[in-house]
Amino acid sequence: MNPTGLWLEKRKKKPKKPNEIHSDAPVPMMASAISSYLMGLAQTWLSHPESYSLAEQADTLVDCFFKGYLPTSITSTSDNAP
């Protein structure tokens, strides 16, 4: 299993909070999706590095992958759940 898959597998075993990875999540497919997303970001940024700062946008880009494009009120409410 690749490093991304190992990380995902480890995350699945920890206690869950809302919006965390569930134990029945398909790790190989998730690892492939994350790798593809990151490769696409890298390719896009390398061809137009002036378009945005990876360092400044990293959190937003990760949130877009894991949370999708849900309204802020939905994601922020569930993030603050006990």
Protein backbone atom coordinates (compact mmCIF):
# COMPACT_ATOMS: atom_id res chain seq x y z
CA MET A 1 0.00 0.00 0.00
CA ASN A 2 1.30 3.48 -0.82
CA PRO A 3 1.95 6.13 1.89
CA THR A 4 -1.38 7.86 1.26
CA GLY A 5 -3.21 4.57 1.69
CA LEU A 6 -1.33 3.84 4.92
CA TRP A 7 -2.23 7.28 6.28
CA LEU A 8 -5.90 6.77 5.40
CA GLU A 9 -5.93 3.30 6.94
CA LYS A 10 -4.49 4.71 10.18
CA ARG A 11 -7.08 7.54 10.24
CA LYS A 12 -9.93 5.04 9.86
CA LYS A 13 -8.93 3.29 13.10
CA LYS A 14 -9.10 6.40 15.31
CA PRO A 15 -12.32 7.48 17.10
CA LYS A 16 -14.63 9.36 14.76
CA LYS A 17 -15.91 12.90 14.86
CA PRO A 18 -18.43 14.25 12.34
CA ASN A 19 -16.98 14.43 8.80
CA GLU A 20 -14.11 12.02 9.51
CA ILE A 21 -13.22 8.93 7.49
CA HIS A 22 -15.49 5.98 8.28
CA SER A 23 -14.21 2.43 8.79
CA ASP A 24 -16.02 1.16 5.67
CA ALA A 25 -14.39 3.75 3.39
CA PRO A 26 -12.57 2.17 0.40
CA VAL A 27 -8.95 3.08 1.21
CA PRO A 28 -7.39 2.11 -2.17
CA MET A 29 -9.97 4.22 -4.05
CA MET A 30 -9.54 7.14 -1.66
CA ALA A 31 -5.75 6.98 -1.97
CA SER A 32 -6.06 6.99 -5.76
CA ALA A 33 -8.47 9.94 -5.66
CA ILE A 34 -6.18 11.97 -3.38
CA SER A 35 -3.13 11.20 -5.52
CA SER A 36 -5.00 12.18 -8.69
CA TYR A 37 -6.24 15.42 -7.13
CA LEU A 38 -2.75 16.38 -5.92
CA MET A 39 -1.16 15.51 -9.28
CA GLY A 40 -3.75 17.68 -11.02
CA LEU A 41 -3.08 20.59 -8.67
CA ALA A 42 0.66 20.25 -9.18
CA GLN A 43 0.33 20.10 -12.97
CA THR A 44 -1.99 23.10 -13.06
CA TRP A 45 0.17 25.16 -10.73
CA LEU A 46 3.41 24.25 -12.53
CA SER A 47 1.96 25.43 -15.83
CA HIS A 48 0.68 28.71 -14.27
CA PRO A 49 2.50 29.33 -10.94
CA GLU A 50 1.50 32.98 -10.94
CA SER A 51 -2.19 32.07 -10.72
CA TYR A 52 -2.15 31.40 -6.95
CA SER A 53 0.15 30.65 -4.02
CA LEU A 54 0.19 26.98 -3.04
CA ALA A 55 1.37 27.90 0.46
CA GLU A 56 -1.49 30.36 0.97
CA GLN A 57 -4.19 28.17 -0.61
CA ALA A 58 -3.18 24.75 0.77
CA ASP A 59 -5.85 24.60 3.50
CA THR A 60 -8.60 25.67 1.11
CA LEU A 61 -7.51 23.14 -1.51
CA VAL A 62 -7.52 20.30 1.03
CA ASP A 63 -10.92 21.38 2.36
CA CYS A 64 -12.32 21.41 -1.18
CA PHE A 65 -11.22 17.81 -1.64
CA PHE A 66 -12.48 16.43 1.66
CA LYS A 67 -15.58 18.58 2.19
CA GLY A 68 -16.53 19.24 -1.38
CA TYR A 69 -18.16 22.52 -2.17
CA LEU A 70 -20.77 22.52 0.60
CA PRO A 71 -22.07 25.84 1.93
CA THR A 72 -19.89 27.20 4.75
CA SER A 73 -22.77 27.02 7.23
CA ILE A 74 -23.00 23.24 6.76
CA THR A 75 -19.28 22.53 7.04
CA SER A 76 -18.59 24.94 9.90
CA THR A 77 -21.55 23.66 11.92
CA SER A 78 -20.43 20.05 11.63
CA ASP A 79 -16.80 20.99 12.33
CA ASN A 80 -17.81 22.45 15.67
CA ALA A 81 -19.95 19.51 16.73
CA PRO A 82 -18.97 17.88 20.04
